[in-house]
């Protein structure tokens, strides 16, 4: 899971870097970068919360 989230995070930053060089698609690529970084941070948070809740069940 760590590798997948790390790759999503790096891909998000790559989108930030490439956005100014793509004519007509700057905003789409930038928003994609924001979403990729948010997913890379949100997936482990959601997974840890889900694992914590399921461990409390009898």
N, C-alpha and C. Protein backbone atom coordinates (compact mmCIF):
# COMPACT_ATOMS: atom_id res chain seq x y z
N UNK A 1 0.83 -1.19 0.00
CA UNK A 1 0.00 0.00 0.00
C UNK A 1 0.87 1.25 0.00
N UNK A 2 2.00 1.19 0.73
CA UNK A 2 2.88 2.35 0.79
C UNK A 2 3.41 2.71 -0.60
N UNK A 3 3.78 1.71 -1.37
CA UNK A 3 4.34 1.95 -2.70
C UNK A 3 3.30 2.61 -3.60
N UNK A 4 2.08 2.14 -3.56
CA UNK A 4 1.01 2.70 -4.39
C UNK A 4 0.76 4.16 -4.01
N UNK A 5 0.68 4.43 -2.73
CA UNK A 5 0.42 5.81 -2.29
C UNK A 5 1.60 6.72 -2.61
N UNK A 6 2.81 6.19 -2.48
CA UNK A 6 3.99 6.99 -2.84
C UNK A 6 3.99 7.32 -4.33
N UNK A 7 3.64 6.34 -5.17
CA UNK A 7 3.58 6.59 -6.60
C UNK A 7 2.49 7.60 -6.96
N UNK A 8 1.34 7.53 -6.29
CA UNK A 8 0.30 8.52 -6.50
C UNK A 8 0.78 9.91 -6.13
N UNK A 9 1.50 10.02 -5.02
CA UNK A 9 2.02 11.30 -4.56
C UNK A 9 3.02 11.87 -5.55
N UNK A 10 3.92 11.04 -6.03
CA UNK A 10 4.93 11.49 -7.01
C UNK A 10 4.26 11.86 -8.33
N UNK A 11 3.26 11.09 -8.74
CA UNK A 11 2.54 11.42 -9.98
C UNK A 11 1.80 12.75 -9.83
N UNK A 12 1.27 13.03 -8.65
CA UNK A 12 0.61 14.31 -8.41
C UNK A 12 1.58 15.47 -8.53
N UNK A 13 2.77 15.31 -7.97
CA UNK A 13 3.77 16.38 -8.09
C UNK A 13 4.27 16.51 -9.53
N UNK A 14 4.33 15.41 -10.25
CA UNK A 14 4.71 15.47 -11.67
C UNK A 14 3.67 16.25 -12.46
N UNK A 15 2.40 16.05 -12.12
CA UNK A 15 1.34 16.82 -12.79
C UNK A 15 1.48 18.31 -12.50
N UNK A 16 1.85 18.65 -11.25
CA UNK A 16 2.09 20.05 -10.93
C UNK A 16 3.21 20.63 -11.80
N UNK A 17 4.24 19.84 -12.01
CA UNK A 17 5.38 20.31 -12.80
C UNK A 17 5.09 20.42 -14.28
N UNK A 18 4.28 19.51 -14.82
CA UNK A 18 4.00 19.51 -16.25
C UNK A 18 2.84 20.42 -16.64
N UNK A 19 2.04 20.85 -15.71
CA UNK A 19 0.85 21.65 -16.02
C UNK A 19 1.16 22.92 -16.80
N UNK A 20 2.18 23.69 -16.47
CA UNK A 20 2.41 24.93 -17.23
C UNK A 20 2.81 24.71 -18.69
N UNK A 21 3.27 23.52 -19.02
CA UNK A 21 3.78 23.27 -20.36
C UNK A 21 2.76 22.63 -21.29
N UNK A 22 1.56 22.36 -20.81
CA UNK A 22 0.52 21.73 -21.61
C UNK A 22 -0.48 22.81 -22.01
N UNK A 23 -0.46 23.19 -23.27
CA UNK A 23 -1.33 24.28 -23.73
C UNK A 23 -2.79 23.85 -23.73
N UNK A 24 -3.62 24.64 -23.07
CA UNK A 24 -5.05 24.41 -23.06
C UNK A 24 -5.53 23.44 -22.00
N UNK A 25 -4.63 22.71 -21.37
CA UNK A 25 -5.02 21.72 -20.38
C UNK A 25 -4.38 22.00 -19.01
N UNK A 26 -3.88 23.21 -18.80
CA UNK A 26 -3.17 23.52 -17.57
C UNK A 26 -4.03 23.27 -16.34
N UNK A 27 -5.25 23.77 -16.35
CA UNK A 27 -6.10 23.64 -15.16
C UNK A 27 -6.50 22.19 -14.91
N UNK A 28 -6.75 21.44 -15.96
CA UNK A 28 -7.13 20.03 -15.80
C UNK A 28 -5.98 19.23 -15.21
N UNK A 29 -4.78 19.43 -15.72
CA UNK A 29 -3.61 18.71 -15.23
C UNK A 29 -3.30 19.11 -13.79
N UNK A 30 -3.45 20.41 -13.48
CA UNK A 30 -3.19 20.87 -12.12
C UNK A 30 -4.19 20.26 -11.13
N UNK A 31 -5.47 20.26 -11.50
CA UNK A 31 -6.49 19.66 -10.63
C UNK A 31 -6.25 18.16 -10.48
N UNK A 32 -5.83 17.50 -11.55
CA UNK A 32 -5.47 16.08 -11.46
C UNK A 32 -4.34 15.88 -10.46
N UNK A 33 -3.36 16.77 -10.46
CA UNK A 33 -2.28 16.69 -9.49
C UNK A 33 -2.78 16.86 -8.07
N UNK A 34 -3.70 17.79 -7.85
CA UNK A 34 -4.27 17.98 -6.52
C UNK A 34 -5.02 16.73 -6.08
N UNK A 35 -5.80 16.15 -6.98
CA UNK A 35 -6.57 14.95 -6.64
C UNK A 35 -5.66 13.75 -6.36
N UNK A 36 -4.60 13.61 -7.13
CA UNK A 36 -3.67 12.50 -6.90
C UNK A 36 -2.98 12.63 -5.55
N UNK A 37 -2.55 13.84 -5.22
CA UNK A 37 -1.90 14.05 -3.91
C UNK A 37 -2.89 13.84 -2.77
N UNK A 38 -4.12 14.30 -2.95
CA UNK A 38 -5.14 14.10 -1.92
C UNK A 38 -5.44 12.62 -1.74
N UNK A 39 -5.51 11.88 -2.83
CA UNK A 39 -5.76 10.44 -2.74
C UNK A 39 -4.59 9.73 -2.06
N UNK A 40 -3.37 10.16 -2.39
CA UNK A 40 -2.19 9.54 -1.79
C UNK A 40 -2.15 9.74 -0.28
N UNK A 41 -2.68 10.85 0.19
CA UNK A 41 -2.72 11.10 1.63
C UNK A 41 -3.97 10.48 2.25
N UNK A 42 -5.06 10.51 1.53
CA UNK A 42 -6.34 10.04 2.08
C UNK A 42 -6.48 8.54 2.16
N UNK A 43 -5.89 7.80 1.26
CA UNK A 43 -6.02 6.34 1.26
C UNK A 43 -5.47 5.73 2.54
N UNK A 44 -4.25 6.08 2.97
CA UNK A 44 -3.76 5.48 4.22
C UNK A 44 -4.57 5.92 5.44
N UNK A 45 -5.06 7.16 5.43
CA UNK A 45 -5.89 7.61 6.55
C UNK A 45 -7.18 6.81 6.62
N UNK A 46 -7.82 6.61 5.49
CA UNK A 46 -9.06 5.85 5.46
C UNK A 46 -8.81 4.40 5.86
N UNK A 47 -7.73 3.83 5.33
CA UNK A 47 -7.43 2.43 5.63
C UNK A 47 -7.14 2.24 7.12
N UNK A 48 -6.38 3.13 7.71
CA UNK A 48 -6.06 2.98 9.13
C UNK A 48 -7.31 3.17 9.99
N UNK A 49 -8.18 4.08 9.60
CA UNK A 49 -9.42 4.29 10.34
C UNK A 49 -10.32 3.06 10.22
N UNK A 50 -10.41 2.51 9.02
CA UNK A 50 -11.22 1.32 8.80
C UNK A 50 -10.66 0.13 9.58
N UNK A 51 -9.35 -0.03 9.57
CA UNK A 51 -8.73 -1.14 10.31
C UNK A 51 -8.94 -0.97 11.80
N UNK A 52 -8.90 0.25 12.28
CA UNK A 52 -9.09 0.50 13.70
C UNK A 52 -10.53 0.19 14.13
N UNK A 53 -11.49 0.58 13.31
CA UNK A 53 -12.89 0.31 13.64
C UNK A 53 -13.19 -1.18 13.61
N UNK A 54 -12.64 -1.90 12.64
CA UNK A 54 -12.93 -3.32 12.54
C UNK A 54 -12.25 -4.12 13.66
N UNK A 55 -11.18 -3.58 14.22
CA UNK A 55 -10.52 -4.31 15.31
C UNK A 55 -11.29 -4.20 16.61
N UNK A 56 -12.20 -3.22 16.73
CA UNK A 56 -12.99 -3.06 17.95
C UNK A 56 -14.21 -3.97 17.98
N UNK A 57 -14.56 -4.55 16.84
CA UNK A 57 -15.74 -5.41 16.81
C UNK A 57 -15.47 -6.72 17.54
N UNK A 58 -16.49 -7.26 18.20
CA UNK A 58 -16.27 -8.52 18.93
C UNK A 58 -16.09 -9.71 18.00
